[in-house]
Amino acid sequence: MNSFSTATLDRYQFVDISLRVREIVSASKVKNGLVTISVPYVTAAVLIIKDELELLQNWLAFFLKNGDPYIISRLLGPKKVLPVRDGKVILGDRQHMFLVELEGPQKREVTVQVC
């Protein structure tokens, strides 16, 4: 199991963690299996979405309108499990993995397990 830390600067923030997760999967030498990406917080989440400014702004508007970081984080979920094939995370062409900060700024730890 691996982990890495990241610092958020804003109350609501999307941190693209795709590169770090892919590096961990590649270093694991697991050819075919699963990768679990998780955050152990009640005010943060993991989200798989397209990295597109307008889409991220829509999510931000949703957060601002609905406000409660505890509820939003539970709706989004603290972890995602993705397939690994030929040593690579399987995602759509434009999909990215994000840590979603809902009560920043904070120092956050992301845990990545490949099996």
N, C-alpha and C. Protein backbone atom coordinates (compact mmCIF):
# COMPACT_ATOMS: atom_id res chain seq x y z
N MET A 1 0.85 -1.17 0.00
CA MET A 1 0.00 0.00 0.00
C MET A 1 0.90 1.24 0.00
N ASN A 2 0.50 2.22 -0.79
CA ASN A 2 1.25 3.47 -0.92
C ASN A 2 0.36 4.64 -0.57
N SER A 3 0.99 5.75 -0.24
CA SER A 3 0.22 6.97 -0.01
C SER A 3 1.07 8.17 -0.38
N PHE A 4 0.40 9.28 -0.60
CA PHE A 4 1.08 10.53 -0.86
C PHE A 4 0.23 11.66 -0.29
N SER A 5 0.87 12.77 0.01
CA SER A 5 0.19 13.93 0.57
C SER A 5 0.09 15.04 -0.46
N THR A 6 -0.94 15.84 -0.30
CA THR A 6 -1.10 17.02 -1.14
C THR A 6 -1.74 18.10 -0.27
N ALA A 7 -1.40 19.33 -0.54
CA ALA A 7 -1.97 20.45 0.20
C ALA A 7 -2.99 21.16 -0.69
N THR A 8 -4.15 21.45 -0.13
CA THR A 8 -5.14 22.21 -0.87
C THR A 8 -5.09 23.66 -0.39
N LEU A 9 -5.49 24.56 -1.26
CA LEU A 9 -5.38 25.99 -0.97
C LEU A 9 -6.73 26.67 -0.79
N ASP A 10 -7.79 26.06 -1.30
CA ASP A 10 -9.11 26.68 -1.27
C ASP A 10 -10.11 25.81 -0.52
N ARG A 11 -11.23 26.41 -0.15
CA ARG A 11 -12.27 25.64 0.54
C ARG A 11 -12.73 24.47 -0.33
N TYR A 12 -13.06 24.76 -1.57
CA TYR A 12 -13.43 23.71 -2.54
C TYR A 12 -12.35 23.67 -3.61
N GLN A 13 -11.83 22.49 -3.85
CA GLN A 13 -10.75 22.39 -4.83
C GLN A 13 -10.71 20.98 -5.42
N PHE A 14 -10.38 20.91 -6.70
CA PHE A 14 -10.14 19.65 -7.37
C PHE A 14 -8.65 19.50 -7.57
N VAL A 15 -8.07 18.42 -7.07
CA VAL A 15 -6.65 18.15 -7.23
C VAL A 15 -6.52 16.92 -8.12
N ASP A 16 -5.94 17.10 -9.30
CA ASP A 16 -5.77 15.99 -10.23
C ASP A 16 -4.67 15.08 -9.69
N ILE A 17 -5.03 13.87 -9.33
CA ILE A 17 -4.08 12.91 -8.76
C ILE A 17 -3.76 11.79 -9.74
N SER A 18 -4.18 11.95 -10.99
CA SER A 18 -4.03 10.89 -11.99
C SER A 18 -2.59 10.46 -12.18
N LEU A 19 -1.69 11.39 -12.35
CA LEU A 19 -0.29 11.06 -12.61
C LEU A 19 0.32 10.28 -11.44
N ARG A 20 0.06 10.74 -10.22
CA ARG A 20 0.62 10.06 -9.04
C ARG A 20 0.09 8.63 -8.93
N VAL A 21 -1.22 8.47 -9.16
CA VAL A 21 -1.81 7.13 -9.08
C VAL A 21 -1.23 6.23 -10.16
N ARG A 22 -1.11 6.74 -11.38
CA ARG A 22 -0.54 5.94 -12.47
C ARG A 22 0.91 5.53 -12.17
N GLU A 23 1.68 6.42 -11.58
CA GLU A 23 3.06 6.10 -11.22
C GLU A 23 3.11 4.97 -10.19
N ILE A 24 2.23 5.01 -9.21
CA ILE A 24 2.18 3.97 -8.18
C ILE A 24 1.77 2.64 -8.80
N VAL A 25 0.78 2.65 -9.66
CA VAL A 25 0.35 1.42 -10.33
C VAL A 25 1.48 0.84 -11.17
N SER A 26 2.16 1.67 -11.91
CA SER A 26 3.27 1.21 -12.75
C SER A 26 4.40 0.61 -11.90
N ALA A 27 4.72 1.26 -10.80
CA ALA A 27 5.80 0.78 -9.93
C ALA A 27 5.43 -0.51 -9.19
N SER A 28 4.14 -0.79 -9.08
CA SER A 28 3.69 -1.97 -8.33
C SER A 28 4.00 -3.28 -9.04
N LYS A 29 4.18 -3.24 -10.34
CA LYS A 29 4.43 -4.42 -11.16
C LYS A 29 3.22 -5.34 -11.27
N VAL A 30 2.06 -4.90 -10.78
CA VAL A 30 0.83 -5.67 -10.96
C VAL A 30 0.38 -5.48 -12.40
N LYS A 31 0.23 -6.58 -13.12
CA LYS A 31 -0.15 -6.50 -14.53
C LYS A 31 -1.66 -6.39 -14.70
N ASN A 32 -2.41 -7.21 -13.97
CA ASN A 32 -3.86 -7.22 -14.08
C ASN A 32 -4.45 -7.34 -12.68
N GLY A 33 -5.35 -6.43 -12.35
CA GLY A 33 -5.93 -6.44 -11.01
C GLY A 33 -6.78 -5.21 -10.79
N LEU A 34 -6.68 -4.67 -9.59
CA LEU A 34 -7.47 -3.51 -9.20
C LEU A 34 -6.61 -2.50 -8.46
N VAL A 35 -6.99 -1.24 -8.58
CA VAL A 35 -6.37 -0.19 -7.78
C VAL A 35 -7.48 0.50 -7.00
N THR A 36 -7.26 0.66 -5.71
CA THR A 36 -8.19 1.37 -4.85
C THR A 36 -7.55 2.69 -4.45
N ILE A 37 -8.26 3.78 -4.69
CA ILE A 37 -7.79 5.12 -4.34
C ILE A 37 -8.73 5.62 -3.25
N SER A 38 -8.18 5.99 -2.08
CA SER A 38 -9.06 6.41 -1.00
C SER A 38 -8.47 7.57 -0.20
N VAL A 39 -9.39 8.30 0.44
CA VAL A 39 -9.02 9.39 1.34
C VAL A 39 -9.77 9.17 2.66
N PRO A 40 -9.06 9.24 3.80
CA PRO A 40 -9.68 8.93 5.09
C PRO A 40 -10.26 10.16 5.79
N TYR A 41 -11.09 10.90 5.08
CA TYR A 41 -11.63 12.14 5.66
C TYR A 41 -13.12 12.23 5.40
N VAL A 42 -13.84 12.95 6.28
CA VAL A 42 -15.28 13.15 6.09
C VAL A 42 -15.59 14.41 5.28
N THR A 43 -14.56 15.17 4.93
CA THR A 43 -14.78 16.38 4.12
C THR A 43 -13.91 16.39 2.86
N ALA A 44 -13.65 15.20 2.34
CA ALA A 44 -12.93 15.06 1.07
C ALA A 44 -13.47 13.82 0.38
N ALA A 45 -13.23 13.73 -0.92
CA ALA A 45 -13.75 12.60 -1.69
C ALA A 45 -12.81 12.31 -2.86
N VAL A 46 -13.07 11.19 -3.51
CA VAL A 46 -12.37 10.83 -4.75
C VAL A 46 -13.41 10.80 -5.85
N LEU A 47 -13.08 11.41 -6.98
CA LEU A 47 -14.03 11.51 -8.08
C LEU A 47 -13.32 11.23 -9.39
N ILE A 48 -13.98 10.49 -10.27
CA ILE A 48 -13.47 10.21 -11.61
C ILE A 48 -14.34 10.99 -12.58
N ILE A 49 -13.77 12.02 -13.20
CA ILE A 49 -14.52 12.83 -14.16
C ILE A 49 -13.59 13.34 -15.25
N LYS A 50 -14.21 13.91 -16.25
CA LYS A 50 -13.46 14.53 -17.34
C LYS A 50 -12.83 15.82 -16.82
N ASP A 51 -11.57 16.05 -17.19
CA ASP A 51 -10.87 17.26 -16.77
C ASP A 51 -11.21 18.38 -17.75
N GLU A 52 -12.36 19.00 -17.49
CA GLU A 52 -12.84 20.06 -18.36
C GLU A 52 -13.31 21.22 -17.47
N LEU A 53 -12.82 22.42 -17.75
CA LEU A 53 -13.08 23.57 -16.90
C LEU A 53 -14.57 23.79 -16.64
N GLU A 54 -15.39 23.74 -17.66
CA GLU A 54 -16.82 23.98 -17.49
C GLU A 54 -17.46 22.94 -16.57
N LEU A 55 -17.07 21.69 -16.71
CA LEU A 55 -17.59 20.64 -15.86
C LEU A 55 -17.18 20.85 -14.40
N LEU A 56 -15.91 21.20 -14.19
CA LEU A 56 -15.43 21.45 -12.83
C LEU A 56 -16.16 22.65 -12.22
N GLN A 57 -16.43 23.67 -13.01
CA GLN A 57 -17.18 24.83 -12.53
C GLN A 57 -18.61 24.45 -12.16
N ASN A 58 -19.22 23.55 -12.92
CA ASN A 58 -20.56 23.07 -12.58
C ASN A 58 -20.57 22.33 -11.24
N TRP A 59 -19.55 21.51 -11.03
CA TRP A 59 -19.43 20.83 -9.74
C TRP A 59 -19.26 21.84 -8.62
N LEU A 60 -18.42 22.84 -8.83
CA LEU A 60 -18.21 23.87 -7.81
C LEU A 60 -19.51 24.60 -7.49
N ALA A 61 -20.29 24.94 -8.50
CA ALA A 61 -21.59 25.59 -8.29
C ALA A 61 -22.51 24.69 -7.45
N PHE A 62 -22.48 23.39 -7.72
CA PHE A 62 -23.27 22.43 -6.94
C PHE A 62 -22.83 22.45 -5.48
N PHE A 63 -21.52 22.44 -5.24
CA PHE A 63 -21.00 22.47 -3.87
C PHE A 63 -21.45 23.73 -3.15
N LEU A 64 -21.34 24.86 -3.82
CA LEU A 64 -21.70 26.14 -3.21
C LEU A 64 -23.20 26.20 -2.89
N LYS A 65 -24.01 25.63 -3.75
CA LYS A 65 -25.46 25.66 -3.55
C LYS A 65 -25.89 24.72 -2.43
N ASN A 66 -25.26 23.56 -2.36
CA ASN A 66 -25.69 22.54 -1.41
C ASN A 66 -24.90 22.57 -0.11
N GLY A 67 -23.76 23.17 -0.12
CA GLY A 67 -23.04 23.60 1.06
C GLY A 67 -22.46 22.64 2.07
N ASP A 68 -23.15 21.63 2.50
CA ASP A 68 -22.66 20.81 3.60
C ASP A 68 -21.59 19.83 3.13
N PRO A 69 -20.33 20.07 3.52
CA PRO A 69 -19.25 19.21 3.03
C PRO A 69 -19.36 17.76 3.49
N TYR A 70 -19.99 17.52 4.63
CA TYR A 70 -20.14 16.15 5.12
C TYR A 70 -21.09 15.36 4.24
N ILE A 71 -22.17 15.98 3.84
CA ILE A 71 -23.13 15.29 2.97
C ILE A 71 -22.56 15.11 1.57
N ILE A 72 -21.95 16.16 1.03
CA ILE A 72 -21.39 16.07 -0.32
C ILE A 72 -20.31 14.99 -0.39
N SER A 73 -19.45 14.94 0.62
CA SER A 73 -18.37 13.93 0.58
C SER A 73 -18.93 12.52 0.63
N ARG A 74 -20.03 12.32 1.34
CA ARG A 74 -20.61 10.97 1.39
C ARG A 74 -21.31 10.63 0.07
N LEU A 75 -21.87 11.64 -0.59
CA LEU A 75 -22.48 11.38 -1.89
C LEU A 75 -21.43 11.02 -2.94
N LEU A 76 -20.30 11.71 -2.90
CA LEU A 76 -19.23 11.45 -3.87
C LEU A 76 -18.45 10.18 -3.52
N GLY A 77 -18.25 9.94 -2.24
CA GLY A 77 -17.56 8.75 -1.78
C GLY A 77 -16.08 8.96 -1.51
N PRO A 78 -15.56 8.29 -0.48
CA PRO A 78 -14.16 8.45 -0.10
C PRO A 78 -13.19 7.57 -0.88
N LYS A 79 -13.70 6.70 -1.76
CA LYS A 79 -12.80 5.82 -2.50
C LYS A 79 -13.39 5.46 -3.85
N LYS A 80 -12.49 5.05 -4.72
CA LYS A 80 -12.88 4.50 -6.02
C LYS A 80 -11.99 3.29 -6.29
N VAL A 81 -12.57 2.28 -6.93
CA VAL A 81 -11.83 1.08 -7.32
C VAL A 81 -11.88 1.01 -8.84
N LEU A 82 -10.69 0.89 -9.44
CA LEU A 82 -10.58 0.88 -10.90
C LEU A 82 -9.80 -0.35 -11.36
N PRO A 83 -10.09 -0.83 -12.57
CA PRO A 83 -9.34 -1.97 -13.08
C PRO A 83 -7.93 -1.58 -13.54
N VAL A 84 -7.04 -2.55 -13.43
CA VAL A 84 -5.67 -2.43 -13.94
C VAL A 84 -5.49 -3.53 -14.97
N ARG A 85 -5.07 -3.14 -16.18
CA ARG A 85 -4.83 -4.12 -17.23
C ARG A 85 -3.50 -3.80 -17.89
N ASP A 86 -2.68 -4.80 -18.04
CA ASP A 86 -1.35 -4.63 -18.63
C ASP A 86 -0.55 -3.56 -17.89
N GLY A 87 -0.72 -3.50 -16.58
CA GLY A 87 0.04 -2.57 -15.74
C GLY A 87 -0.42 -1.14 -15.79
N LYS A 88 -1.61 -0.88 -16.36
CA LYS A 88 -2.12 0.49 -16.48
C LYS A 88 -3.54 0.60 -15.93
N VAL A 89 -3.84 1.76 -15.33
CA VAL A 89 -5.20 2.04 -14.87
C VAL A 89 -6.10 2.21 -16.09
N ILE A 90 -7.25 1.55 -16.07
CA ILE A 90 -8.18 1.66 -17.18
C ILE A 90 -9.19 2.78 -16.90
N LEU A 91 -9.11 3.82 -17.72
CA LEU A 91 -10.02 4.96 -17.67
C LEU A 91 -10.37 5.35 -19.10
N GLY A 92 -11.43 6.14 -19.24
CA GLY A 92 -11.75 6.69 -20.55
C GLY A 92 -10.66 7.67 -20.97
N ASP A 93 -10.62 7.98 -22.26
CA ASP A 93 -9.57 8.84 -22.81
C ASP A 93 -9.43 10.17 -22.09
N ARG A 94 -10.54 10.75 -21.65
CA ARG A 94 -10.49 12.09 -21.06
C ARG A 94 -10.80 12.08 -19.57
N GLN A 95 -10.90 10.90 -18.97
CA GLN A 95 -11.18 10.82 -17.55
C GLN A 95 -9.92 11.02 -16.72
N HIS A 96 -10.11 11.67 -15.58
CA HIS A 96 -9.02 11.90 -14.63
C HIS A 96 -9.51 11.53 -13.23
N MET A 97 -8.55 11.26 -12.36
CA MET A 97 -8.84 10.96 -10.96
C MET A 97 -8.57 12.24 -10.16
N PHE A 98 -9.55 12.63 -9.34
CA PHE A 98 -9.41 13.84 -8.55
C PHE A 98 -9.63 13.58 -7.07
N LEU A 99 -8.81 14.22 -6.26
CA LEU A 99 -9.12 14.42 -4.86
C LEU A 99 -10.01 15.65 -4.82
N VAL A 100 -11.16 15.55 -4.18
CA VAL A 100 -12.08 16.68 -4.08
C VAL A 100 -12.02 17.22 -2.66
N GLU A 101 -11.53 18.43 -2.53
CA GLU A 101 -11.47 19.11 -1.24
C GLU A 101 -12.78 19.84 -1.01
N LEU A 102 -13.38 19.64 0.18
CA LEU A 102 -14.66 20.27 0.49
C LEU A 102 -14.61 21.15 1.73
N GLU A 103 -13.44 21.23 2.36
CA GLU A 103 -13.31 22.08 3.55
C GLU A 103 -11.85 22.48 3.75
N GLY A 104 -11.31 23.07 2.72
CA GLY A 104 -9.91 23.46 2.76
C GLY A 104 -9.73 24.86 3.29
N PRO A 105 -8.49 25.28 3.30
CA PRO A 105 -7.29 24.53 2.92
C PRO A 105 -6.91 23.48 3.98
N GLN A 106 -6.35 22.39 3.48
CA GLN A 106 -5.96 21.26 4.33
C GLN A 106 -4.75 20.55 3.72
N LYS A 107 -4.08 19.78 4.55
CA LYS A 107 -3.11 18.81 4.04
C LYS A 107 -3.86 17.48 4.00
N ARG A 108 -3.88 16.84 2.84
CA ARG A 108 -4.63 15.60 2.65
C ARG A 108 -3.70 14.47 2.24
N GLU A 109 -4.02 13.28 2.70
CA GLU A 109 -3.27 12.09 2.31
C GLU A 109 -4.17 11.19 1.46
N VAL A 110 -3.61 10.69 0.38
CA VAL A 110 -4.31 9.80 -0.52
C VAL A 110 -3.65 8.43 -0.43
N THR A 111 -4.44 7.40 -0.23
CA THR A 111 -3.92 6.05 -0.15
C THR A 111 -4.25 5.30 -1.43
N VAL A 112 -3.25 4.58 -1.94
CA VAL A 112 -3.40 3.85 -3.19
C VAL A 112 -2.96 2.40 -2.94
N GLN A 113 -3.86 1.47 -3.17
CA GLN A 113 -3.54 0.05 -3.01
C GLN A 113 -3.77 -0.66 -4.33
N VAL A 114 -2.75 -1.38 -4.78
CA VAL A 114 -2.82 -2.11 -6.04
C VAL A 114 -2.71 -3.60 -5.72
N CYS A 115 -3.64 -4.37 -6.26
CA CYS A 115 -3.57 -5.82 -6.02
C CYS A 115 -4.14 -6.57 -7.23
